[in-house]
């Protein structure tokens, strides 16, 4: 399957939809697109719903993006549905959720924002 990072909107926020395999050869494309998104918006989403594979290089790239976003004061959300076994396996094995702001669905992004706005 071909790899692509497409600009999109998820939960009303600017997003990057990742399709295909996120690995050593494709991770730099996601990183470049994320760097551009951070310059354009104070909040954005990386949607891994259509990602078919995630290796340690892709996970390392997600971690790097999360760190850059935090340093820049950009709010990042990474959508990784539990039903996406190949991606969640790597995320869970590496405990990536401890370092990257993961949600299982776009609906969780809205809930997170509403909780924050309500002072929860």
N, C-alpha and C. Protein backbone atom coordinates (compact mmCIF):
# COMPACT_ATOMS: atom_id res chain seq x y z
N UNK A 1 0.84 -1.19 0.00
CA UNK A 1 0.00 0.00 0.00
C UNK A 1 0.88 1.24 0.00
N UNK A 2 0.45 2.24 -0.69
CA UNK A 2 1.17 3.48 -0.75
C UNK A 2 1.01 4.26 0.55
N UNK A 3 1.99 5.10 0.85
CA UNK A 3 1.95 5.94 2.03
C UNK A 3 1.54 7.35 1.63
N UNK A 4 0.75 7.98 2.51
CA UNK A 4 0.37 9.37 2.26
C UNK A 4 0.05 10.05 3.58
N UNK A 5 0.34 11.33 3.65
CA UNK A 5 -0.06 12.18 4.76
C UNK A 5 -0.91 13.27 4.13
N UNK A 6 -2.21 13.25 4.45
CA UNK A 6 -3.15 14.18 3.83
C UNK A 6 -3.64 15.20 4.84
N UNK A 7 -3.65 16.47 4.46
CA UNK A 7 -4.30 17.47 5.32
C UNK A 7 -5.79 17.16 5.40
N UNK A 8 -6.37 17.33 6.57
CA UNK A 8 -7.79 17.03 6.78
C UNK A 8 -8.29 17.87 7.95
N UNK A 9 -9.53 17.60 8.33
CA UNK A 9 -10.12 18.18 9.54
C UNK A 9 -10.69 17.02 10.34
N UNK A 10 -10.34 16.95 11.60
CA UNK A 10 -10.84 15.91 12.50
C UNK A 10 -11.33 16.61 13.76
N UNK A 11 -12.55 16.33 14.14
CA UNK A 11 -13.16 16.93 15.33
C UNK A 11 -13.06 18.46 15.28
N UNK A 12 -13.20 19.00 14.09
CA UNK A 12 -13.19 20.45 13.91
C UNK A 12 -11.81 21.09 14.01
N UNK A 13 -10.77 20.28 13.98
CA UNK A 13 -9.41 20.78 14.11
C UNK A 13 -8.57 20.41 12.89
N UNK A 14 -7.55 21.19 12.57
CA UNK A 14 -6.65 20.81 11.48
C UNK A 14 -6.03 19.46 11.81
N UNK A 15 -5.88 18.65 10.79
CA UNK A 15 -5.37 17.29 11.02
C UNK A 15 -4.49 16.82 9.88
N UNK A 16 -3.73 15.79 10.19
CA UNK A 16 -2.97 15.05 9.21
C UNK A 16 -3.46 13.61 9.27
N UNK A 17 -4.00 13.12 8.17
CA UNK A 17 -4.45 11.74 8.09
C UNK A 17 -3.33 10.92 7.48
N UNK A 18 -2.90 9.90 8.21
CA UNK A 18 -1.79 9.06 7.77
C UNK A 18 -2.37 7.77 7.19
N UNK A 19 -2.02 7.47 5.95
CA UNK A 19 -2.49 6.26 5.28
C UNK A 19 -1.29 5.41 4.87
N UNK A 20 -1.40 4.11 5.13
CA UNK A 20 -0.33 3.20 4.75
C UNK A 20 0.58 2.89 5.92
N UNK A 21 1.82 2.52 5.61
CA UNK A 21 2.77 2.08 6.61
C UNK A 21 3.64 3.23 7.10
N UNK A 22 3.63 3.45 8.40
CA UNK A 22 4.47 4.49 9.02
C UNK A 22 5.71 3.79 9.56
N UNK A 23 6.80 3.92 8.81
CA UNK A 23 8.02 3.20 9.14
C UNK A 23 9.25 4.06 8.86
N UNK A 24 10.41 3.45 8.86
CA UNK A 24 11.67 4.17 8.69
C UNK A 24 11.69 5.01 7.42
N UNK A 25 11.14 4.50 6.34
CA UNK A 25 11.20 5.23 5.08
C UNK A 25 10.13 6.31 4.95
N UNK A 26 9.02 6.20 5.69
CA UNK A 26 7.93 7.17 5.54
C UNK A 26 7.82 8.17 6.70
N UNK A 27 8.40 7.84 7.83
CA UNK A 27 8.30 8.71 9.00
C UNK A 27 8.78 10.14 8.75
N UNK A 28 9.84 10.36 7.96
CA UNK A 28 10.25 11.74 7.72
C UNK A 28 9.17 12.60 7.04
N UNK A 29 8.33 11.98 6.23
CA UNK A 29 7.23 12.73 5.59
C UNK A 29 6.22 13.19 6.61
N UNK A 30 5.90 12.33 7.58
CA UNK A 30 4.98 12.74 8.64
C UNK A 30 5.61 13.85 9.48
N UNK A 31 6.87 13.70 9.81
CA UNK A 31 7.55 14.71 10.63
C UNK A 31 7.54 16.08 9.94
N UNK A 32 7.83 16.10 8.65
CA UNK A 32 7.83 17.38 7.91
C UNK A 32 6.43 18.00 7.88
N UNK A 33 5.42 17.17 7.65
CA UNK A 33 4.04 17.69 7.61
C UNK A 33 3.62 18.19 8.99
N UNK A 34 4.03 17.50 10.05
CA UNK A 34 3.69 17.92 11.41
C UNK A 34 4.39 19.23 11.76
N UNK A 35 5.65 19.37 11.37
CA UNK A 35 6.36 20.62 11.61
C UNK A 35 5.63 21.79 10.97
N UNK A 36 5.15 21.57 9.77
CA UNK A 36 4.39 22.62 9.06
C UNK A 36 3.08 22.91 9.78
N UNK A 37 2.40 21.89 10.26
CA UNK A 37 1.13 22.07 10.97
C UNK A 37 1.33 22.86 12.26
N UNK A 38 2.44 22.62 12.95
CA UNK A 38 2.71 23.32 14.21
C UNK A 38 2.90 24.81 13.99
N UNK A 39 3.44 25.17 12.85
CA UNK A 39 3.65 26.59 12.53
C UNK A 39 2.31 27.26 12.23
N UNK A 40 1.39 26.52 11.65
CA UNK A 40 0.12 27.09 11.20
C UNK A 40 -0.98 27.15 12.25
N UNK A 41 -0.93 26.28 13.25
CA UNK A 41 -2.06 26.18 14.16
C UNK A 41 -1.60 25.86 15.59
N UNK A 42 -2.32 26.39 16.60
CA UNK A 42 -1.97 26.10 17.99
C UNK A 42 -2.47 24.72 18.45
N UNK A 43 -3.18 24.02 17.55
CA UNK A 43 -3.72 22.70 17.88
C UNK A 43 -3.88 21.91 16.59
N UNK A 44 -3.52 20.63 16.62
CA UNK A 44 -3.78 19.78 15.45
C UNK A 44 -3.83 18.32 15.86
N UNK A 45 -4.32 17.52 14.92
CA UNK A 45 -4.57 16.09 15.14
C UNK A 45 -3.74 15.29 14.14
N UNK A 46 -3.18 14.19 14.61
CA UNK A 46 -2.61 13.18 13.72
C UNK A 46 -3.54 11.99 13.80
N UNK A 47 -4.14 11.63 12.68
CA UNK A 47 -5.13 10.55 12.64
C UNK A 47 -4.48 9.29 12.06
N UNK A 48 -4.33 8.27 12.90
CA UNK A 48 -3.73 7.00 12.48
C UNK A 48 -4.77 5.93 12.17
N UNK A 49 -6.01 6.33 12.01
CA UNK A 49 -7.08 5.37 11.74
C UNK A 49 -6.80 4.51 10.51
N UNK A 50 -6.23 5.11 9.47
CA UNK A 50 -6.00 4.40 8.21
C UNK A 50 -4.54 3.97 8.04
N UNK A 51 -3.79 4.00 9.13
CA UNK A 51 -2.40 3.55 9.11
C UNK A 51 -2.40 2.03 9.25
N UNK A 52 -1.69 1.35 8.38
CA UNK A 52 -1.74 -0.11 8.35
C UNK A 52 -0.60 -0.78 9.11
N UNK A 53 0.43 0.00 9.46
CA UNK A 53 1.58 -0.56 10.16
C UNK A 53 2.33 0.57 10.83
N UNK A 54 2.86 0.31 12.01
CA UNK A 54 3.67 1.29 12.74
C UNK A 54 4.87 0.57 13.31
N UNK A 55 6.07 0.97 12.89
CA UNK A 55 7.26 0.36 13.47
C UNK A 55 7.88 1.30 14.49
N UNK A 56 9.01 0.92 15.05
CA UNK A 56 9.63 1.74 16.10
C UNK A 56 10.08 3.10 15.57
N UNK A 57 10.42 3.18 14.30
CA UNK A 57 10.80 4.48 13.72
C UNK A 57 9.60 5.41 13.67
N UNK A 58 8.44 4.88 13.31
CA UNK A 58 7.22 5.68 13.30
C UNK A 58 6.85 6.10 14.70
N UNK A 59 7.00 5.18 15.67
CA UNK A 59 6.70 5.52 17.06
C UNK A 59 7.65 6.60 17.57
N UNK A 60 8.92 6.49 17.23
CA UNK A 60 9.90 7.49 17.63
C UNK A 60 9.55 8.86 17.01
N UNK A 61 9.07 8.85 15.80
CA UNK A 61 8.67 10.09 15.14
C UNK A 61 7.47 10.70 15.86
N UNK A 62 6.48 9.89 16.23
CA UNK A 62 5.33 10.41 16.98
C UNK A 62 5.78 11.01 18.31
N UNK A 63 6.72 10.36 18.98
CA UNK A 63 7.25 10.88 20.23
C UNK A 63 7.95 12.22 20.00
N UNK A 64 8.74 12.31 18.96
CA UNK A 64 9.42 13.56 18.63
C UNK A 64 8.45 14.69 18.32
N UNK A 65 7.40 14.36 17.58
CA UNK A 65 6.38 15.36 17.26
C UNK A 65 5.70 15.84 18.53
N UNK A 66 5.37 14.90 19.43
CA UNK A 66 4.72 15.28 20.70
C UNK A 66 5.63 16.19 21.52
N UNK A 67 6.91 15.90 21.56
CA UNK A 67 7.85 16.74 22.30
C UNK A 67 7.95 18.13 21.70
N UNK A 68 8.07 18.20 20.37
CA UNK A 68 8.13 19.51 19.70
C UNK A 68 6.86 20.31 19.95
N UNK A 69 5.71 19.64 19.85
CA UNK A 69 4.43 20.33 20.08
C UNK A 69 4.38 20.88 21.50
N UNK A 70 4.79 20.08 22.47
CA UNK A 70 4.79 20.54 23.85
C UNK A 70 5.68 21.75 24.05
N UNK A 71 6.86 21.71 23.47
CA UNK A 71 7.81 22.82 23.59
C UNK A 71 7.25 24.08 22.93
N UNK A 72 6.54 23.91 21.82
CA UNK A 72 6.00 25.04 21.07
C UNK A 72 4.65 25.51 21.62
N UNK A 73 4.12 24.81 22.60
CA UNK A 73 2.82 25.19 23.14
C UNK A 73 1.66 24.84 22.23
N UNK A 74 1.88 23.85 21.37
CA UNK A 74 0.86 23.39 20.44
C UNK A 74 0.17 22.17 21.04
N UNK A 75 -1.15 22.18 21.01
CA UNK A 75 -1.93 21.06 21.54
C UNK A 75 -2.06 19.99 20.45
N UNK A 76 -1.57 18.80 20.74
CA UNK A 76 -1.56 17.69 19.79
C UNK A 76 -2.49 16.60 20.28
N UNK A 77 -3.20 15.97 19.35
CA UNK A 77 -4.02 14.79 19.63
C UNK A 77 -3.64 13.75 18.58
N UNK A 78 -3.44 12.52 19.01
CA UNK A 78 -3.15 11.42 18.08
C UNK A 78 -4.28 10.41 18.19
N UNK A 79 -5.01 10.23 17.09
CA UNK A 79 -6.13 9.28 17.06
C UNK A 79 -5.58 7.92 16.62
N UNK A 80 -5.72 6.94 17.52
CA UNK A 80 -5.28 5.57 17.24
C UNK A 80 -6.35 4.62 17.76
N UNK A 81 -7.32 4.26 16.92
CA UNK A 81 -8.41 3.41 17.38
C UNK A 81 -7.92 2.06 17.91
N UNK A 82 -8.55 1.58 18.95
CA UNK A 82 -8.19 0.27 19.51
C UNK A 82 -8.43 -0.84 18.49
N UNK A 83 -9.33 -0.62 17.55
CA UNK A 83 -9.61 -1.63 16.53
C UNK A 83 -8.48 -1.76 15.50
N UNK A 84 -7.56 -0.81 15.50
CA UNK A 84 -6.43 -0.86 14.57
C UNK A 84 -5.29 -1.63 15.23
N UNK A 85 -5.40 -2.95 15.20
CA UNK A 85 -4.46 -3.83 15.88
C UNK A 85 -2.99 -3.61 15.54
N UNK A 86 -2.63 -3.53 14.25
CA UNK A 86 -1.21 -3.37 13.91
C UNK A 86 -0.58 -2.10 14.50
N UNK A 87 -1.35 -1.04 14.58
CA UNK A 87 -0.83 0.22 15.13
C UNK A 87 -0.85 0.18 16.65
N UNK A 88 -1.97 -0.26 17.22
CA UNK A 88 -2.09 -0.27 18.68
C UNK A 88 -1.11 -1.25 19.33
N UNK A 89 -0.76 -2.32 18.64
CA UNK A 89 0.20 -3.27 19.19
C UNK A 89 1.52 -2.55 19.49
N UNK A 90 2.02 -1.82 18.53
CA UNK A 90 3.28 -1.09 18.73
C UNK A 90 3.13 -0.02 19.79
N UNK A 91 2.05 0.74 19.73
CA UNK A 91 1.80 1.80 20.71
C UNK A 91 1.76 1.22 22.12
N UNK A 92 1.04 0.13 22.28
CA UNK A 92 0.89 -0.47 23.62
C UNK A 92 2.17 -1.14 24.11
N UNK A 93 2.88 -1.83 23.22
CA UNK A 93 4.13 -2.47 23.62
C UNK A 93 5.17 -1.46 24.08
N UNK A 94 5.19 -0.30 23.44
CA UNK A 94 6.16 0.74 23.77
C UNK A 94 5.64 1.71 24.83
N UNK A 95 4.39 1.51 25.28
CA UNK A 95 3.75 2.41 26.24
C UNK A 95 3.81 3.86 25.76
N UNK A 96 3.59 4.02 24.47
CA UNK A 96 3.68 5.34 23.84
C UNK A 96 2.63 6.31 24.39
N UNK A 97 1.51 5.77 24.85
CA UNK A 97 0.46 6.61 25.40
C UNK A 97 0.89 7.39 26.64
N UNK A 98 1.97 6.97 27.27
CA UNK A 98 2.49 7.70 28.43
C UNK A 98 3.18 8.99 28.01
N UNK A 99 3.53 9.11 26.73
CA UNK A 99 4.30 10.25 26.24
C UNK A 99 3.63 11.02 25.10
N UNK A 100 2.70 10.38 24.44
CA UNK A 100 2.00 10.97 23.30
C UNK A 100 0.53 11.05 23.65
N UNK A 101 -0.12 12.19 23.42
CA UNK A 101 -1.54 12.34 23.78
C UNK A 101 -2.45 11.54 22.85
N UNK A 102 -2.74 10.31 23.24
CA UNK A 102 -3.53 9.40 22.42
C UNK A 102 -5.01 9.45 22.77
N UNK A 103 -5.84 9.30 21.75
CA UNK A 103 -7.27 9.08 21.92
C UNK A 103 -7.66 7.94 20.98
N UNK A 104 -8.73 7.24 21.33
CA UNK A 104 -9.17 6.12 20.50
C UNK A 104 -10.12 6.54 19.39
N UNK A 105 -10.72 7.73 19.54
CA UNK A 105 -11.65 8.21 18.52
C UNK A 105 -11.67 9.73 18.53
N UNK A 106 -12.09 10.34 17.43
CA UNK A 106 -12.20 11.80 17.40
C UNK A 106 -13.15 12.35 18.47
N UNK A 107 -14.17 11.58 18.84
CA UNK A 107 -15.10 12.03 19.88
C UNK A 107 -14.42 12.29 21.21
N UNK A 108 -13.35 11.58 21.49
CA UNK A 108 -12.61 11.79 22.73
C UNK A 108 -11.89 13.14 22.74
N UNK A 109 -11.58 13.67 21.58
CA UNK A 109 -10.94 14.99 21.52
C UNK A 109 -11.91 16.04 22.01
N UNK A 110 -13.13 15.98 21.55
CA UNK A 110 -14.14 16.94 22.00
C UNK A 110 -14.34 16.85 23.50
N UNK A 111 -14.39 15.63 24.04
CA UNK A 111 -14.59 15.44 25.47
C UNK A 111 -13.41 16.03 26.25
N UNK A 112 -12.21 15.83 25.77
CA UNK A 112 -11.02 16.37 26.44
C UNK A 112 -11.07 17.88 26.49
N UNK A 113 -11.44 18.51 25.39
CA UNK A 113 -11.51 19.97 25.33
C UNK A 113 -12.62 20.48 26.23
N UNK A 114 -13.77 19.82 26.23
CA UNK A 114 -14.88 20.25 27.06
C UNK A 114 -14.51 20.15 28.55
N UNK A 115 -13.83 19.08 28.94
CA UNK A 115 -13.38 18.93 30.33
C UNK A 115 -12.41 20.04 30.72
N UNK A 116 -11.50 20.35 29.83
CA UNK A 116 -10.53 21.40 30.11
C UNK A 116 -11.22 22.75 30.25
N UNK A 117 -12.14 23.04 29.34
CA UNK A 117 -12.85 24.32 29.36
C UNK A 117 -13.74 24.45 30.60
N UNK A 118 -14.23 23.33 31.11
CA UNK A 118 -15.10 23.34 32.29
C UNK A 118 -14.28 23.41 33.58
N UNK A 119 -12.96 23.34 33.44
CA UNK A 119 -12.10 23.41 34.61
C UNK A 119 -11.89 22.09 35.30
N UNK A 120 -12.20 21.00 34.63
CA UNK A 120 -12.03 19.66 35.22
C UNK A 120 -10.59 19.23 35.21
